[in-house]
């Protein structure tokens, strides 16, 4: 996981075609089918929350992998 500068996202990671996003709330979600190019664009984005909302949220299937299990993420704006 790589720490990022964001008001809502703590860190992101990528393995295979899975993107993992840890939010400042402590929730962790894994998004399937995310390419390395999308991950690298996410890392380079000036606003991680805006990128997440426009390019990740609602576009990829996801799983809550945090403990304990919880609700899906809301908009990161």
PDB file of N, CA and C in Angstrom:
ATOM      1  N   UNK A   1       0.853  -1.183   0.000  1.00  0.00           N
ATOM      2  CA  UNK A   1       0.000   0.000   0.000  1.00  0.00           C
ATOM      3  C   UNK A   1       0.896   1.243   0.000  1.00  0.00           C
ATOM      4  N   UNK A   2       0.468   2.233  -0.751  1.00  0.00           N
ATOM      5  CA  UNK A   2       1.201   3.489  -0.855  1.00  0.00           C
ATOM      6  C   UNK A   2       0.355   4.589  -0.227  1.00  0.00           C
ATOM      7  N   UNK A   3       0.924   5.288   0.757  1.00  0.00           N
ATOM      8  CA  UNK A   3       0.234   6.418   1.390  1.00  0.00           C
ATOM      9  C   UNK A   3       0.048   7.517   0.356  1.00  0.00           C
ATOM     10  N   UNK A   4      -1.125   8.146   0.371  1.00  0.00           N
ATOM     11  CA  UNK A   4      -1.401   9.239  -0.564  1.00  0.00           C
ATOM     12  C   UNK A   4      -1.887  10.465   0.199  1.00  0.00           C
ATOM     13  N   UNK A   5      -1.772  11.609  -0.431  1.00  0.00           N
ATOM     14  CA  UNK A   5      -2.247  12.869   0.125  1.00  0.00           C
ATOM     15  C   UNK A   5      -3.701  13.041  -0.287  1.00  0.00           C
ATOM     16  N   UNK A   6      -4.616  12.943   0.665  1.00  0.00           N
ATOM     17  CA  UNK A   6      -6.041  13.034   0.370  1.00  0.00           C
ATOM     18  C   UNK A   6      -6.804  13.317   1.652  1.00  0.00           C
ATOM     19  N   UNK A   7      -7.941  13.959   1.506  1.00  0.00           N
ATOM     20  CA  UNK A   7      -8.777  14.231   2.677  1.00  0.00           C
ATOM     21  C   UNK A   7      -9.677  13.040   3.021  1.00  0.00           C
ATOM     22  N   UNK A   8      -9.728  12.022   2.172  1.00  0.00           N
ATOM     23  CA  UNK A   8     -10.560  10.839   2.436  1.00  0.00           C
ATOM     24  C   UNK A   8      -9.860   9.503   2.236  1.00  0.00           C
ATOM     25  N   UNK A   9      -8.817   9.470   1.428  1.00  0.00           N
ATOM     26  CA  UNK A   9      -8.131   8.213   1.117  1.00  0.00           C
ATOM     27  C   UNK A   9      -6.783   8.193   1.822  1.00  0.00           C
ATOM     28  N   UNK A  10      -6.527   7.094   2.535  1.00  0.00           N
ATOM     29  CA  UNK A  10      -5.266   6.935   3.265  1.00  0.00           C
ATOM     30  C   UNK A  10      -4.175   6.358   2.374  1.00  0.00           C
ATOM     31  N   UNK A  11      -4.493   5.254   1.690  1.00  0.00           N
ATOM     32  CA  UNK A  11      -3.480   4.582   0.883  1.00  0.00           C
ATOM     33  C   UNK A  11      -4.142   3.732  -0.197  1.00  0.00           C
ATOM     34  N   UNK A  12      -3.342   3.441  -1.235  1.00  0.00           N
ATOM     35  CA  UNK A  12      -3.823   2.608  -2.326  1.00  0.00           C
ATOM     36  C   UNK A  12      -2.743   1.597  -2.710  1.00  0.00           C
ATOM     37  N   UNK A  13      -3.176   0.471  -3.236  1.00  0.00           N
ATOM     38  CA  UNK A  13      -2.246  -0.546  -3.698  1.00  0.00           C
ATOM     39  C   UNK A  13      -2.812  -1.264  -4.900  1.00  0.00           C
ATOM     40  N   UNK A  14      -1.937  -1.948  -5.636  1.00  0.00           N
ATOM     41  CA  UNK A  14      -2.367  -2.651  -6.841  1.00  0.00           C
ATOM     42  C   UNK A  14      -1.587  -3.944  -6.965  1.00  0.00           C
ATOM     43  N   UNK A  15      -2.317  -5.039  -7.203  1.00  0.00           N
ATOM     44  CA  UNK A  15      -1.680  -6.336  -7.427  1.00  0.00           C
ATOM     45  C   UNK A  15      -2.510  -7.087  -8.461  1.00  0.00           C
ATOM     46  N   UNK A  16      -1.840  -7.549  -9.503  1.00  0.00           N
ATOM     47  CA  UNK A  16      -2.572  -8.182 -10.602  1.00  0.00           C
ATOM     48  C   UNK A  16      -3.503  -7.159 -11.224  1.00  0.00           C
ATOM     49  N   UNK A  17      -4.804  -7.443 -11.200  1.00  0.00           N
ATOM     50  CA  UNK A  17      -5.787  -6.455 -11.672  1.00  0.00           C
ATOM     51  C   UNK A  17      -6.721  -6.069 -10.534  1.00  0.00           C
ATOM     52  N   UNK A  18      -6.168  -5.986  -9.332  1.00  0.00           N
ATOM     53  CA  UNK A  18      -6.964  -5.608  -8.165  1.00  0.00           C
ATOM     54  C   UNK A  18      -6.384  -4.341  -7.532  1.00  0.00           C
ATOM     55  N   UNK A  19      -7.242  -3.366  -7.368  1.00  0.00           N
ATOM     56  CA  UNK A  19      -6.895  -2.116  -6.699  1.00  0.00           C
ATOM     57  C   UNK A  19      -7.444  -2.181  -5.275  1.00  0.00           C
ATOM     58  N   UNK A  20      -6.602  -1.872  -4.300  1.00  0.00           N
ATOM     59  CA  UNK A  20      -7.042  -1.817  -2.914  1.00  0.00           C
ATOM     60  C   UNK A  20      -6.984  -0.377  -2.454  1.00  0.00           C
ATOM     61  N   UNK A  21      -8.077   0.088  -1.846  1.00  0.00           N
ATOM     62  CA  UNK A  21      -8.164   1.466  -1.355  1.00  0.00           C
ATOM     63  C   UNK A  21      -8.501   1.430   0.135  1.00  0.00           C
ATOM     64  N   UNK A  22      -7.637   2.048   0.938  1.00  0.00           N
ATOM     65  CA  UNK A  22      -7.904   2.205   2.369  1.00  0.00           C
ATOM     66  C   UNK A  22      -8.301   3.665   2.596  1.00  0.00           C
ATOM     67  N   UNK A  23      -9.486   3.839   3.165  1.00  0.00           N
ATOM     68  CA  UNK A  23      -9.986   5.184   3.449  1.00  0.00           C
ATOM     69  C   UNK A  23      -9.541   5.618   4.844  1.00  0.00           C
ATOM     70  N   UNK A  24      -9.537   6.906   5.090  1.00  0.00           N
ATOM     71  CA  UNK A  24      -9.154   7.425   6.405  1.00  0.00           C
ATOM     72  C   UNK A  24     -10.070   6.898   7.503  1.00  0.00           C
ATOM     73  N   UNK A  25     -11.273   6.497   7.140  1.00  0.00           N
ATOM     74  CA  UNK A  25     -12.219   5.924   8.096  1.00  0.00           C
ATOM     75  C   UNK A  25     -11.765   4.549   8.590  1.00  0.00           C
ATOM     76  N   UNK A  26     -10.789   3.948   7.878  1.00  0.00           N
ATOM     77  CA  UNK A  26     -10.327   2.615   8.213  1.00  0.00           C
ATOM     78  C   UNK A  26     -10.895   1.534   7.325  1.00  0.00           C
ATOM     79  N   UNK A  27     -11.937   1.838   6.559  1.00  0.00           N
ATOM     80  CA  UNK A  27     -12.541   0.860   5.647  1.00  0.00           C
ATOM     81  C   UNK A  27     -11.555   0.572   4.509  1.00  0.00           C
ATOM     82  N   UNK A  28     -11.555  -0.679   4.054  1.00  0.00           N
ATOM     83  CA  UNK A  28     -10.675  -1.106   2.964  1.00  0.00           C
ATOM     84  C   UNK A  28     -11.533  -1.828   1.924  1.00  0.00           C
ATOM     85  N   UNK A  29     -11.398  -1.411   0.676  1.00  0.00           N
ATOM     86  CA  UNK A  29     -12.166  -1.999  -0.419  1.00  0.00           C
ATOM     87  C   UNK A  29     -11.214  -2.452  -1.521  1.00  0.00           C
ATOM     88  N   UNK A  30     -11.544  -3.590  -2.142  1.00  0.00           N
ATOM     89  CA  UNK A  30     -10.769  -4.109  -3.263  1.00  0.00           C
ATOM     90  C   UNK A  30     -11.636  -4.053  -4.511  1.00  0.00           C
ATOM     91  N   UNK A  31     -11.113  -3.405  -5.544  1.00  0.00           N
ATOM     92  CA  UNK A  31     -11.808  -3.224  -6.822  1.00  0.00           C
ATOM     93  C   UNK A  31     -11.162  -4.135  -7.858  1.00  0.00           C
ATOM     94  N   UNK A  32     -11.958  -4.994  -8.488  1.00  0.00           N
ATOM     95  CA  UNK A  32     -11.453  -5.975  -9.445  1.00  0.00           C
ATOM     96  C   UNK A  32     -11.480  -5.430 -10.875  1.00  0.00           C
ATOM     97  N   UNK A  33     -10.465  -5.821 -11.646  1.00  0.00           N
ATOM     98  CA  UNK A  33     -10.401  -5.453 -13.058  1.00  0.00           C
ATOM     99  C   UNK A  33      -9.711  -4.132 -13.331  1.00  0.00           C
ATOM    100  N   UNK A  34      -9.068  -3.557 -12.328  1.00  0.00           N
ATOM    101  CA  UNK A  34      -8.398  -2.257 -12.486  1.00  0.00           C
ATOM    102  C   UNK A  34      -6.994  -2.493 -13.054  1.00  0.00           C
ATOM    103  N   UNK A  35      -6.708  -1.887 -14.196  1.00  0.00           N
ATOM    104  CA  UNK A  35      -5.405  -2.076 -14.843  1.00  0.00           C
ATOM    105  C   UNK A  35      -4.312  -1.274 -14.137  1.00  0.00           C
ATOM    106  N   UNK A  36      -3.091  -1.634 -14.427  1.00  0.00           N
ATOM    107  CA  UNK A  36      -1.932  -0.908 -13.877  1.00  0.00           C
ATOM    108  C   UNK A  36      -1.956   0.551 -14.339  1.00  0.00           C
ATOM    109  N   UNK A  37      -2.374   0.792 -15.576  1.00  0.00           N
ATOM    110  CA  UNK A  37      -2.443   2.167 -16.104  1.00  0.00           C
ATOM    111  C   UNK A  37      -3.407   3.023 -15.280  1.00  0.00           C
ATOM    112  N   UNK A  38      -4.557   2.466 -14.929  1.00  0.00           N
ATOM    113  CA  UNK A  38      -5.532   3.211 -14.123  1.00  0.00           C
ATOM    114  C   UNK A  38      -4.946   3.473 -12.738  1.00  0.00           C
ATOM    115  N   UNK A  39      -4.291   2.469 -12.151  1.00  0.00           N
ATOM    116  CA  UNK A  39      -3.653   2.645 -10.848  1.00  0.00           C
ATOM    117  C   UNK A  39      -2.611   3.764 -10.896  1.00  0.00           C
ATOM    118  N   UNK A  40      -1.766   3.761 -11.906  1.00  0.00           N
ATOM    119  CA  UNK A  40      -0.727   4.788 -12.024  1.00  0.00           C
ATOM    120  C   UNK A  40      -1.335   6.175 -12.221  1.00  0.00           C
ATOM    121  N   UNK A  41      -2.427   6.258 -12.974  1.00  0.00           N
ATOM    122  CA  UNK A  41      -3.127   7.537 -13.137  1.00  0.00           C
ATOM    123  C   UNK A  41      -3.717   7.991 -11.805  1.00  0.00           C
ATOM    124  N   UNK A  42      -4.240   7.056 -11.012  1.00  0.00           N
ATOM    125  CA  UNK A  42      -4.770   7.344  -9.680  1.00  0.00           C
ATOM    126  C   UNK A  42      -3.660   7.929  -8.802  1.00  0.00           C
ATOM    127  N   UNK A  43      -2.502   7.286  -8.802  1.00  0.00           N
ATOM    128  CA  UNK A  43      -1.366   7.784  -8.015  1.00  0.00           C
ATOM    129  C   UNK A  43      -0.957   9.195  -8.437  1.00  0.00           C
ATOM    130  N   UNK A  44      -0.998   9.467  -9.732  1.00  0.00           N
ATOM    131  CA  UNK A  44      -0.550  10.759 -10.261  1.00  0.00           C
ATOM    132  C   UNK A  44      -1.605  11.860 -10.154  1.00  0.00           C
ATOM    133  N   UNK A  45      -2.847  11.503  -9.884  1.00  0.00           N
ATOM    134  CA  UNK A  45      -3.937  12.490  -9.872  1.00  0.00           C
ATOM    135  C   UNK A  45      -3.729  13.547  -8.788  1.00  0.00           C
ATOM    136  N   UNK A  46      -4.000  14.791  -9.126  1.00  0.00           N
ATOM    137  CA  UNK A  46      -3.913  15.882  -8.154  1.00  0.00           C
ATOM    138  C   UNK A  46      -4.918  15.684  -7.030  1.00  0.00           C
ATOM    139  N   UNK A  47      -6.120  15.251  -7.376  1.00  0.00           N
ATOM    140  CA  UNK A  47      -7.163  14.991  -6.379  1.00  0.00           C
ATOM    141  C   UNK A  47      -7.511  13.512  -6.415  1.00  0.00           C
ATOM    142  N   UNK A  48      -7.078  12.780  -5.397  1.00  0.00           N
ATOM    143  CA  UNK A  48      -7.360  11.347  -5.338  1.00  0.00           C
ATOM    144  C   UNK A  48      -8.866  11.098  -5.212  1.00  0.00           C
ATOM    145  N   UNK A  49      -9.573  11.911  -4.421  1.00  0.00           N
ATOM    146  CA  UNK A  49     -11.007  11.748  -4.241  1.00  0.00           C
ATOM    147  C   UNK A  49     -11.774  11.949  -5.532  1.00  0.00           C
ATOM    148  N   UNK A  50     -11.427  12.978  -6.277  1.00  0.00           N
ATOM    149  CA  UNK A  50     -12.088  13.235  -7.555  1.00  0.00           C
ATOM    150  C   UNK A  50     -11.811  12.106  -8.539  1.00  0.00           C
ATOM    151  N   UNK A  51     -10.565  11.667  -8.619  1.00  0.00           N
ATOM    152  CA  UNK A  51     -10.232  10.561  -9.520  1.00  0.00           C
ATOM    153  C   UNK A  51     -11.028   9.315  -9.131  1.00  0.00           C
ATOM    154  N   UNK A  52     -11.049   9.003  -7.838  1.00  0.00           N
ATOM    155  CA  UNK A  52     -11.793   7.837  -7.358  1.00  0.00           C
ATOM    156  C   UNK A  52     -13.261   7.928  -7.773  1.00  0.00           C
ATOM    157  N   UNK A  53     -13.880   9.077  -7.549  1.00  0.00           N
ATOM    158  CA  UNK A  53     -15.303   9.247  -7.871  1.00  0.00           C
ATOM    159  C   UNK A  53     -15.588   9.121  -9.362  1.00  0.00           C
ATOM    160  N   UNK A  54     -14.696   9.638 -10.199  1.00  0.00           N
ATOM    161  CA  UNK A  54     -14.935   9.655 -11.645  1.00  0.00           C
ATOM    162  C   UNK A  54     -14.461   8.405 -12.378  1.00  0.00           C
ATOM    163  N   UNK A  55     -13.407   7.764 -11.887  1.00  0.00           N
ATOM    164  CA  UNK A  55     -12.760   6.692 -12.639  1.00  0.00           C
ATOM    165  C   UNK A  55     -12.813   5.312 -11.985  1.00  0.00           C
ATOM    166  N   UNK A  56     -13.246   5.241 -10.712  1.00  0.00           N
ATOM    167  CA  UNK A  56     -13.268   3.953 -10.006  1.00  0.00           C
ATOM    168  C   UNK A  56     -14.672   3.617  -9.511  1.00  0.00           C
ATOM    169  N   UNK A  57     -15.231   4.496  -8.687  1.00  0.00           N
ATOM    170  CA  UNK A  57     -16.518   4.243  -8.028  1.00  0.00           C
ATOM    171  C   UNK A  57     -17.622   3.983  -9.046  1.00  0.00           C
ATOM    172  N   UNK A  58     -18.282   2.853  -8.912  1.00  0.00           N
ATOM    173  CA  UNK A  58     -19.385   2.498  -9.802  1.00  0.00           C
ATOM    174  C   UNK A  58     -18.967   1.869 -11.117  1.00  0.00           C
ATOM    175  N   UNK A  59     -17.664   1.834 -11.395  1.00  0.00           N
ATOM    176  CA  UNK A  59     -17.188   1.286 -12.668  1.00  0.00           C
ATOM    177  C   UNK A  59     -16.567  -0.103 -12.540  1.00  0.00           C
ATOM    178  N   UNK A  60     -16.165  -0.470 -11.321  1.00  0.00           N
ATOM    179  CA  UNK A  60     -15.525  -1.760 -11.093  1.00  0.00           C
ATOM    180  C   UNK A  60     -16.243  -2.492  -9.964  1.00  0.00           C
ATOM    181  N   UNK A  61     -16.369  -3.813 -10.081  1.00  0.00           N
ATOM    182  CA  UNK A  61     -16.934  -4.583  -8.963  1.00  0.00           C
ATOM    183  C   UNK A  61     -15.971  -4.522  -7.779  1.00  0.00           C
ATOM    184  N   UNK A  62     -16.513  -4.513  -6.568  1.00  0.00           N
ATOM    185  CA  UNK A  62     -15.659  -4.360  -5.390  1.00  0.00           C
ATOM    186  C   UNK A  62     -16.113  -5.252  -4.252  1.00  0.00           C
ATOM    187  N   UNK A  63     -15.208  -5.434  -3.311  1.00  0.00           N
ATOM    188  CA  UNK A  63     -15.485  -6.166  -2.080  1.00  0.00           C
ATOM    189  C   UNK A  63     -14.969  -5.343  -0.914  1.00  0.00           C
ATOM    190  N   UNK A  64     -15.688  -5.380   0.184  1.00  0.00           N
ATOM    191  CA  UNK A  64     -15.226  -4.777   1.432  1.00  0.00           C
ATOM    192  C   UNK A  64     -14.310  -5.805   2.081  1.00  0.00           C
ATOM    193  N   UNK A  65     -13.038  -5.491   2.223  1.00  0.00           N
ATOM    194  CA  UNK A  65     -12.079  -6.421   2.802  1.00  0.00           C
ATOM    195  C   UNK A  65     -11.589  -5.947   4.165  1.00  0.00           C
ATOM    196  N   UNK A  66     -12.278  -4.966   4.730  1.00  0.00           N
ATOM    197  CA  UNK A  66     -11.899  -4.464   6.045  1.00  0.00           C
ATOM    198  C   UNK A  66     -12.552  -5.308   7.133  1.00  0.00           C
ATOM    199  N   UNK A  67     -12.082  -5.133   8.335  1.00  0.00           N
ATOM    200  CA  UNK A  67     -12.650  -5.825   9.495  1.00  0.00           C
ATOM    201  C   UNK A  67     -13.155  -4.790  10.470  1.00  0.00           C
ATOM    202  N   UNK A  68     -14.332  -4.873  11.010  1.00  0.00           N
ATOM    203  CA  UNK A  68     -15.388  -5.792  10.581  1.00  0.00           C
ATOM    204  C   UNK A  68     -16.022  -5.315   9.283  1.00  0.00           C
ATOM    205  N   UNK A  69     -16.779  -6.185   8.670  1.00  0.00           N
ATOM    206  CA  UNK A  69     -17.393  -5.841   7.391  1.00  0.00           C
ATOM    207  C   UNK A  69     -18.390  -4.706   7.572  1.00  0.00           C
ATOM    208  N   UNK A  70     -18.469  -3.829   6.534  1.00  0.00           N
ATOM    209  CA  UNK A  70     -19.344  -2.664   6.644  1.00  0.00           C
ATOM    210  C   UNK A  70     -19.995  -2.307   5.344  1.00  0.00           C
ATOM    211  N   UNK A  71     -20.378  -1.052   5.248  1.00  0.00           N
ATOM    212  CA  UNK A  71     -21.122  -0.541   4.099  1.00  0.00           C
ATOM    213  C   UNK A  71     -20.180  -0.136   2.966  1.00  0.00           C
ATOM    214  N   UNK A  72     -20.774  -0.015   1.788  1.00  0.00           N
ATOM    215  CA  UNK A  72     -20.023   0.441   0.614  1.00  0.00           C
ATOM    216  C   UNK A  72     -19.614   1.896   0.808  1.00  0.00           C
ATOM    217  N   UNK A  73     -18.498   2.300   0.165  1.00  0.00           N
ATOM    218  CA  UNK A  73     -18.045   3.684   0.316  1.00  0.00           C
ATOM    219  C   UNK A  73     -19.013   4.664  -0.323  1.00  0.00           C
ATOM    220  N   UNK A  74     -19.094   5.823   0.277  1.00  0.00           N
ATOM    221  CA  UNK A  74     -19.860   6.914  -0.335  1.00  0.00           C
ATOM    222  C   UNK A  74     -18.920   7.693  -1.234  1.00  0.00           C
ATOM    223  N   UNK A  75     -19.447   8.680  -1.878  1.00  0.00           N
ATOM    224  CA  UNK A  75     -18.645   9.536  -2.736  1.00  0.00           C
ATOM    225  C   UNK A  75     -17.481  10.103  -1.936  1.00  0.00           C
ATOM    226  N   UNK A  76     -16.304  10.145  -2.546  1.00  0.00           N
ATOM    227  CA  UNK A  76     -15.101  10.599  -1.857  1.00  0.00           C
ATOM    228  C   UNK A  76     -14.830  12.085  -2.071  1.00  0.00           C
ATOM    229  N   UNK A  77     -15.797  12.828  -2.569  1.00  0.00           N
ATOM    230  CA  UNK A  77     -15.575  14.252  -2.856  1.00  0.00           C
ATOM    231  C   UNK A  77     -15.428  15.073  -1.616  1.00  0.00           C
TER     232      UNK A  77
END
